């Protein structure tokens, strides 16, 4: 072979390599991941999601791509972000935490499978027809965390048997969570003979204002509704509650780990491991209509004794005995 022919052949092969690499990359299935909050606060959930994918043989960057979109607690951005993932041509859309994100994804497409991880009842929220037969292109996993508000207020009552006035913090910009939590809180308050004041916060600044006014409302304990904003601000919430010496009940263990007094709820990380499993099964050819909505099965009660000491509160032995974990 003459030198000129060899160089031409070599040049053609070199040009073909990046084309082949691009073709392989384009052939790799893509998952769209839509989060209402921020990537920083959601790192453990994303890690759990990747673990769920890995369990069924999918590894990001090797045989699957994950395309992230984050609303950073600006819920009005969710529809546009969902539509962007549809235009991207992803094979599956996974939504994190809020019903608003799941609703935005459902509204954006009737053909791309949508897998949610939420805290609400997906039937009441209009996401699926039923738990066993979701129908359509949407299914997922629910923590049912919003429905646990009566349980949380009951734990506050055990902690503070002489208290008469509790507060519940909601995010009004997330009506699915705020309305259900408000209804449940007021019904529970009537049942246990306590007063419950519902406060709303839609930003970090609002949270500061709410806590500044709690003392004037003679609030003796507070419970938080599940919401991406509060998840992003969990250090702020734990710090303010301790500063105001206000016993607080949170909805997941990560709050107790950063200084929250107590938490009760499902293991949300395990929920997102399950969403990873579902995403992998859909990539393997299963249909969302045939995958029943899963309910969380792991629930945790965590008590932070360090915080109890800081606010001068003694945790009753009956509560400590029931705790799944005590942080000392």
Protein backbone atom coordinates (compact mmCIF):
# COMPACT_ATOMS: atom_id res chain seq x y z
CA UNK A 1 0.00 0.00 0.00
CA UNK A 2 1.39 3.42 -0.96
CA UNK A 3 1.97 6.02 1.74
CA UNK A 4 -0.75 8.40 0.49
CA UNK A 5 -3.35 5.62 0.47
CA UNK A 6 -2.32 4.53 3.96
CA UNK A 7 -2.67 8.08 5.34
CA UNK A 8 -6.08 8.46 3.69
CA UNK A 9 -7.24 5.18 5.22
CA UNK A 10 -5.87 6.16 8.63
CA UNK A 11 -7.54 9.56 8.46
CA UNK A 12 -10.88 7.99 7.57
CA UNK A 13 -10.64 5.54 10.46
CA UNK A 14 -9.78 8.35 12.89
CA UNK A 15 -12.79 10.34 11.72
CA UNK A 16 -15.02 7.29 12.14
CA UNK A 17 -14.03 6.69 15.79
CA UNK A 18 -15.73 9.80 17.26
CA UNK A 19 -18.75 9.14 15.05
CA UNK A 20 -18.97 5.62 16.43
CA UNK A 21 -18.56 6.91 19.98
CA UNK A 22 -21.34 9.45 19.43
CA UNK A 23 -23.60 6.79 17.97
CA UNK A 24 -22.98 4.56 21.00
CA UNK A 25 -23.71 7.48 23.34
CA UNK A 26 -26.94 8.28 21.50
CA UNK A 27 -27.97 4.63 21.71
CA UNK A 28 -27.54 4.67 25.51
CA UNK A 29 -30.98 4.96 27.18
CA UNK A 30 -31.54 8.19 29.10
CA UNK A 31 -33.51 8.78 32.29
CA UNK A 32 -34.85 12.27 33.01
CA UNK A 33 -34.68 13.10 36.72
CA UNK A 34 -36.93 15.98 37.80
CA UNK A 35 -36.37 17.37 41.30
CA UNK A 36 -38.34 20.16 42.95
CA UNK A 37 -35.50 21.04 45.33
CA UNK A 38 -31.73 21.28 44.95
CA UNK A 39 -29.08 18.67 44.10
CA UNK A 40 -27.17 19.45 47.30
CA UNK A 41 -30.06 18.57 49.64
CA UNK A 42 -31.03 15.59 47.47
CA UNK A 43 -27.63 13.91 47.23
CA UNK A 44 -28.59 10.94 49.40
CA UNK A 45 -31.79 10.32 47.42
CA UNK A 46 -29.95 10.46 44.11
CA UNK A 47 -27.38 8.01 45.48
CA UNK A 48 -30.20 5.68 46.55
CA UNK A 49 -31.79 5.98 43.10
CA UNK A 50 -28.49 5.03 41.45
CA UNK A 51 -28.23 2.07 43.82
CA UNK A 52 -31.67 0.88 42.70
CA UNK A 53 -30.56 1.09 39.08
CA UNK A 54 -27.32 -0.75 39.87
CA UNK A 55 -29.22 -3.63 41.51
CA UNK A 56 -30.76 -4.42 38.13
CA UNK A 57 -27.60 -3.94 36.11
CA UNK A 58 -27.74 -0.28 35.09
CA UNK A 59 -24.73 1.94 35.80
CA UNK A 60 -24.76 5.63 34.97
CA UNK A 61 -22.30 6.45 32.21
CA UNK A 62 -21.83 2.81 31.25
CA UNK A 63 -25.21 1.68 29.97
CA UNK A 64 -27.58 4.45 31.05
CA UNK A 65 -27.50 8.25 31.16
CA UNK A 66 -29.29 10.40 33.76
CA UNK A 67 -30.37 13.89 32.72
CA UNK A 68 -31.08 16.03 35.80
CA UNK A 69 -33.39 19.03 36.05
CA UNK A 70 -33.73 20.94 39.34
CA UNK A 71 -36.37 23.57 40.17
CA UNK A 72 -34.54 24.84 43.29
CA UNK A 73 -37.91 25.20 45.08
CA UNK A 74 -39.39 27.36 42.33
CA UNK A 75 -42.43 25.22 41.71
CA UNK A 76 -43.58 27.31 38.76
CA UNK A 77 -40.52 26.07 36.83
CA UNK A 78 -41.53 22.40 37.04
CA UNK A 79 -43.79 22.32 33.92
CA UNK A 80 -41.06 23.83 31.72
CA UNK A 81 -38.41 21.50 33.13
CA UNK A 82 -40.65 18.48 32.52
CA UNK A 83 -41.34 19.64 28.96
CA UNK A 84 -37.60 20.05 28.40
CA UNK A 85 -37.01 16.42 29.38
CA UNK A 86 -39.72 15.33 26.95
CA UNK A 87 -38.03 17.29 24.16
CA UNK A 88 -34.74 15.67 25.15
CA UNK A 89 -36.32 12.32 24.25
CA UNK A 90 -35.61 10.48 27.51
CA UNK A 91 -36.94 6.94 27.89
CA UNK A 92 -38.19 7.43 31.48
CA UNK A 93 -38.91 10.44 33.71
CA UNK A 94 -38.37 10.07 37.47
CA UNK A 95 -39.76 12.76 39.78
CA UNK A 96 -38.49 13.47 43.27
CA UNK A 97 -40.48 14.18 46.44
CA UNK A 98 -43.28 16.56 45.47
CA UNK A 99 -46.61 15.75 43.86
CA UNK A 100 -46.21 18.96 41.86
CA UNK A 101 -43.18 17.49 40.07
CA UNK A 102 -45.05 14.27 39.31
CA UNK A 103 -48.08 16.21 38.07
CA UNK A 104 -45.88 18.37 35.83
CA UNK A 105 -44.32 15.27 34.28
CA UNK A 106 -47.69 13.63 33.76
CA UNK A 107 -49.02 16.76 32.07
CA UNK A 108 -45.95 16.95 29.81
CA UNK A 109 -46.31 13.48 28.27
CA UNK A 110 -48.76 10.64 27.81
CA UNK A 111 -46.24 8.31 26.20
CA UNK A 112 -42.98 8.50 28.19
CA UNK A 113 -43.20 6.44 31.41
CA UNK A 114 -43.18 8.54 34.59
CA UNK A 115 -41.97 7.11 37.92
CA UNK A 116 -42.70 9.20 41.00
CA UNK A 117 -41.42 9.19 44.56
CA UNK A 118 -43.87 11.27 46.60
CA UNK A 119 -45.30 11.67 50.09
CA UNK A 120 -48.97 12.01 49.11
CA UNK A 121 -51.73 9.62 48.10
CA UNK A 122 -51.26 9.33 44.31
CA UNK A 123 -54.89 8.37 43.73
CA UNK A 124 -56.25 11.44 45.52
CA UNK A 125 -53.68 13.56 43.69
CA UNK A 126 -54.97 12.29 40.34
CA UNK A 127 -51.70 10.68 39.29
CA UNK A 128 -52.99 7.10 38.96
CA UNK A 129 -56.33 5.31 38.78
CA UNK A 130 -55.53 2.94 41.65
CA UNK A 131 -52.58 1.48 43.54
CA UNK A 132 -52.83 -1.99 42.01
CA UNK A 133 -53.74 -0.85 38.50
CA UNK A 134 -52.26 2.58 37.96
CA UNK A 135 -53.13 2.68 34.25
CA UNK A 136 -51.63 5.11 31.77
CA UNK A 137 -47.94 5.98 31.80
CA UNK A 138 -47.48 6.83 35.50
CA UNK A 139 -46.57 4.73 38.55
CA UNK A 140 -44.10 4.89 41.40
CA UNK A 141 -43.60 4.75 45.15
CA UNK A 142 -45.26 6.75 47.92
CA UNK A 143 -44.00 7.32 51.44
CA UNK A 144 -47.57 8.27 52.51
CA UNK A 145 -45.69 10.75 54.67
CA UNK A 146 -48.26 13.51 54.47
CA UNK A 147 -50.87 11.15 55.90
CA UNK A 148 -48.66 10.59 58.96
CA UNK A 149 -49.38 14.04 60.40
CA UNK A 150 -51.80 12.58 63.01
CA UNK A 151 -49.05 10.21 64.15
CA UNK A 152 -46.57 13.08 64.47
CA UNK A 153 -48.96 15.22 66.47
CA UNK A 154 -49.65 12.21 68.68
CA UNK A 155 -45.94 11.87 69.38
CA UNK A 156 -45.78 15.57 70.26
CA UNK A 157 -48.66 15.02 72.66
CA UNK A 158 -46.77 12.17 74.35
CA UNK A 159 -43.66 14.31 74.54
CA UNK A 160 -45.55 17.32 75.93
CA UNK A 161 -48.61 15.95 77.76
CA UNK A 162 -49.40 19.31 79.37
CA UNK A 163 -49.10 21.35 76.17
CA UNK A 164 -52.26 22.82 74.68
CA UNK A 165 -51.07 24.57 71.51
CA UNK A 166 -49.08 23.13 68.62
CA UNK A 167 -48.04 24.57 65.27
CA UNK A 168 -47.80 22.94 61.85
CA UNK A 169 -45.64 24.47 59.13
CA UNK A 170 -46.76 24.05 55.50
CA UNK A 171 -45.62 25.40 52.13
CA UNK A 172 -48.68 27.05 50.50
CA UNK A 173 -47.00 26.92 47.08
CA UNK A 174 -47.34 23.12 47.27
CA UNK A 175 -51.12 22.78 47.63
CA UNK A 176 -51.11 18.96 47.49
CA UNK A 177 -49.10 18.77 50.70
CA UNK A 178 -50.36 21.92 52.42
CA UNK A 179 -54.09 21.23 52.10
CA UNK A 180 -53.92 17.57 53.15
CA UNK A 181 -51.64 18.32 56.11
CA UNK A 182 -53.84 21.19 57.26
CA UNK A 183 -56.99 19.07 57.14
CA UNK A 184 -55.35 16.16 58.98
CA UNK A 185 -53.76 18.45 61.58
CA UNK A 186 -57.02 20.14 62.47
CA UNK A 187 -58.90 16.85 62.64
CA UNK A 188 -56.22 15.38 64.89
CA UNK A 189 -56.20 18.46 67.11
CA UNK A 190 -59.93 18.10 67.67
CA UNK A 191 -59.51 14.40 68.47
CA UNK A 192 -56.73 14.90 71.05
CA UNK A 193 -58.09 18.10 72.53
CA UNK A 194 -55.29 20.40 71.42
CA UNK A 195 -55.18 23.64 69.47
CA UNK A 196 -53.22 23.62 66.21
CA UNK A 197 -52.14 26.77 64.42
CA UNK A 198 -51.12 26.32 60.75
CA UNK A 199 -48.35 28.59 59.45
CA UNK A 200 -47.17 28.96 55.87
CA UNK A 201 -43.68 29.56 54.50
CA UNK A 202 -42.59 29.68 50.88
CA UNK A 203 -38.97 30.80 51.31
CA UNK A 204 -36.07 30.83 53.74
CA UNK A 205 -37.00 34.36 54.77
CA UNK A 206 -40.59 33.30 55.47
CA UNK A 207 -39.31 30.56 57.76
CA UNK A 208 -37.40 33.13 59.84
CA UNK A 209 -40.51 35.29 60.12
CA UNK A 210 -42.68 32.33 61.19
CA UNK A 211 -40.30 31.33 63.97
CA UNK A 212 -40.05 34.93 65.17
CA UNK A 213 -43.83 34.96 65.64
CA UNK A 214 -44.30 31.54 67.24
CA UNK A 215 -43.61 32.80 70.76
CA UNK A 216 -46.32 35.44 70.40
CA UNK A 217 -48.75 32.66 69.47
CA UNK A 218 -47.78 30.67 72.60
CA UNK A 219 -46.85 27.64 70.51
CA UNK A 220 -45.39 24.79 72.60
CA UNK A 221 -44.40 22.33 69.85
CA UNK A 222 -44.20 22.24 66.07
CA UNK A 223 -44.51 19.63 63.30
CA UNK A 224 -43.36 20.07 59.71
CA UNK A 225 -45.08 18.83 56.58
CA UNK A 226 -43.02 17.00 53.94
CA UNK A 227 -41.85 19.50 51.35
CA UNK A 228 -38.79 20.02 49.15
CA UNK A 229 -38.31 23.57 50.50
CA UNK A 230 -38.18 22.36 54.10
CA UNK A 231 -35.91 19.51 53.09
CA UNK A 232 -33.48 22.01 51.55
CA UNK A 233 -33.72 24.13 54.72
CA UNK A 234 -33.49 21.33 57.27
CA UNK A 235 -30.42 22.79 59.01
CA UNK A 236 -32.16 26.16 59.25
CA UNK A 237 -35.30 24.56 60.70
CA UNK A 238 -33.38 22.48 63.25
CA UNK A 239 -31.28 25.49 64.28
CA UNK A 240 -34.27 27.82 64.70
CA UNK A 241 -36.24 25.27 66.70
CA UNK A 242 -33.29 24.79 69.08
CA UNK A 243 -32.68 28.54 69.32
CA UNK A 244 -36.31 29.13 70.30
CA UNK A 245 -36.28 26.04 72.58
CA UNK A 246 -39.23 24.69 70.64
CA UNK A 247 -39.72 20.91 70.50
CA UNK A 248 -40.03 19.91 66.86
CA UNK A 249 -41.19 16.77 65.06
CA UNK A 250 -39.81 16.25 61.54
CA UNK A 251 -40.79 13.77 58.83
CA UNK A 252 -37.50 12.01 58.10
CA UNK A 253 -34.32 10.98 59.85
CA UNK A 254 -32.06 13.43 58.01
CA UNK A 255 -33.54 16.24 60.13
CA UNK A 256 -32.65 14.50 63.38
CA UNK A 257 -29.17 13.87 62.03
CA UNK A 258 -28.56 17.61 61.61
CA UNK A 259 -29.98 18.56 65.01
CA UNK A 260 -33.75 18.18 64.80
CA UNK A 261 -35.27 16.91 68.05
CA UNK A 262 -37.33 14.01 66.68
CA UNK A 263 -38.36 12.55 63.35
CA UNK A 264 -40.97 10.01 62.33
CA UNK A 265 -41.55 8.79 58.83
CA UNK A 266 -40.57 6.36 56.15
CA UNK A 267 -37.02 5.73 55.02
CA UNK A 268 -37.11 8.06 52.01
CA UNK A 269 -33.75 6.86 50.71
CA UNK A 270 -35.15 3.33 50.44
CA UNK A 271 -38.14 4.72 48.53
CA UNK A 272 -35.79 6.15 45.93
CA UNK A 273 -33.88 2.90 45.72
CA UNK A 274 -37.23 1.40 44.74
CA UNK A 275 -37.83 4.10 42.12
CA UNK A 276 -34.44 3.14 40.67
CA UNK A 277 -35.63 -0.47 40.48
CA UNK A 278 -38.81 0.60 38.70
CA UNK A 279 -36.90 2.78 36.22
CA UNK A 280 -34.64 -0.17 35.42
CA UNK A 281 -37.60 -2.50 34.92
CA UNK A 282 -39.16 -0.07 32.48
CA UNK A 283 -35.89 0.18 30.58
CA UNK A 284 -36.05 -3.61 30.40
CA UNK A 285 -39.40 -3.40 28.65
CA UNK A 286 -42.05 -3.48 31.40
CA UNK A 287 -45.00 -1.08 31.21
CA UNK A 288 -45.85 1.41 33.99
CA UNK A 289 -49.52 0.44 33.78
CA UNK A 290 -48.52 -3.08 34.91
CA UNK A 291 -46.35 -1.93 37.82
CA UNK A 292 -48.45 -1.32 40.96
CA UNK A 293 -47.79 1.76 43.06
CA UNK A 294 -45.63 0.72 46.00
CA UNK A 295 -46.08 1.95 49.57
CA UNK A 296 -43.13 2.54 51.85
CA UNK A 297 -42.58 -0.33 54.27
CA UNK A 298 -39.72 1.00 56.41
CA UNK A 299 -40.68 3.58 59.05
CA UNK A 300 -38.27 5.14 61.52
CA UNK A 301 -38.60 7.03 64.78
CA UNK A 302 -35.38 8.89 65.61
CA UNK A 303 -34.67 10.94 68.75
CA UNK A 304 -31.77 13.36 69.16
CA UNK A 305 -30.87 13.47 72.85
CA UNK A 306 -28.19 16.10 72.25
CA UNK A 307 -30.86 18.51 71.04
CA UNK A 308 -33.14 17.59 73.95
CA UNK A 309 -30.38 18.62 76.36
CA UNK A 310 -29.78 21.89 74.49
CA UNK A 311 -33.44 22.93 74.84
CA UNK A 312 -33.71 21.58 78.40
CA UNK A 313 -36.22 18.85 77.63
CA UNK A 314 -36.39 15.35 79.10
CA UNK A 315 -37.60 12.70 76.68
CA UNK A 316 -40.07 10.29 78.36
CA UNK A 317 -38.67 6.75 78.73
CA UNK A 318 -41.71 5.39 76.86
CA UNK A 319 -40.69 7.35 73.74
CA UNK A 320 -37.04 6.42 74.03
CA UNK A 321 -37.99 2.75 74.29
CA UNK A 322 -39.87 2.96 70.99
CA UNK A 323 -37.19 4.86 69.11
CA UNK A 324 -35.45 3.04 66.26
CA UNK A 325 -32.39 5.19 66.87
CA UNK A 326 -31.29 7.53 69.64
CA UNK A 327 -28.60 10.09 68.79
CA UNK A 328 -26.56 10.80 71.92
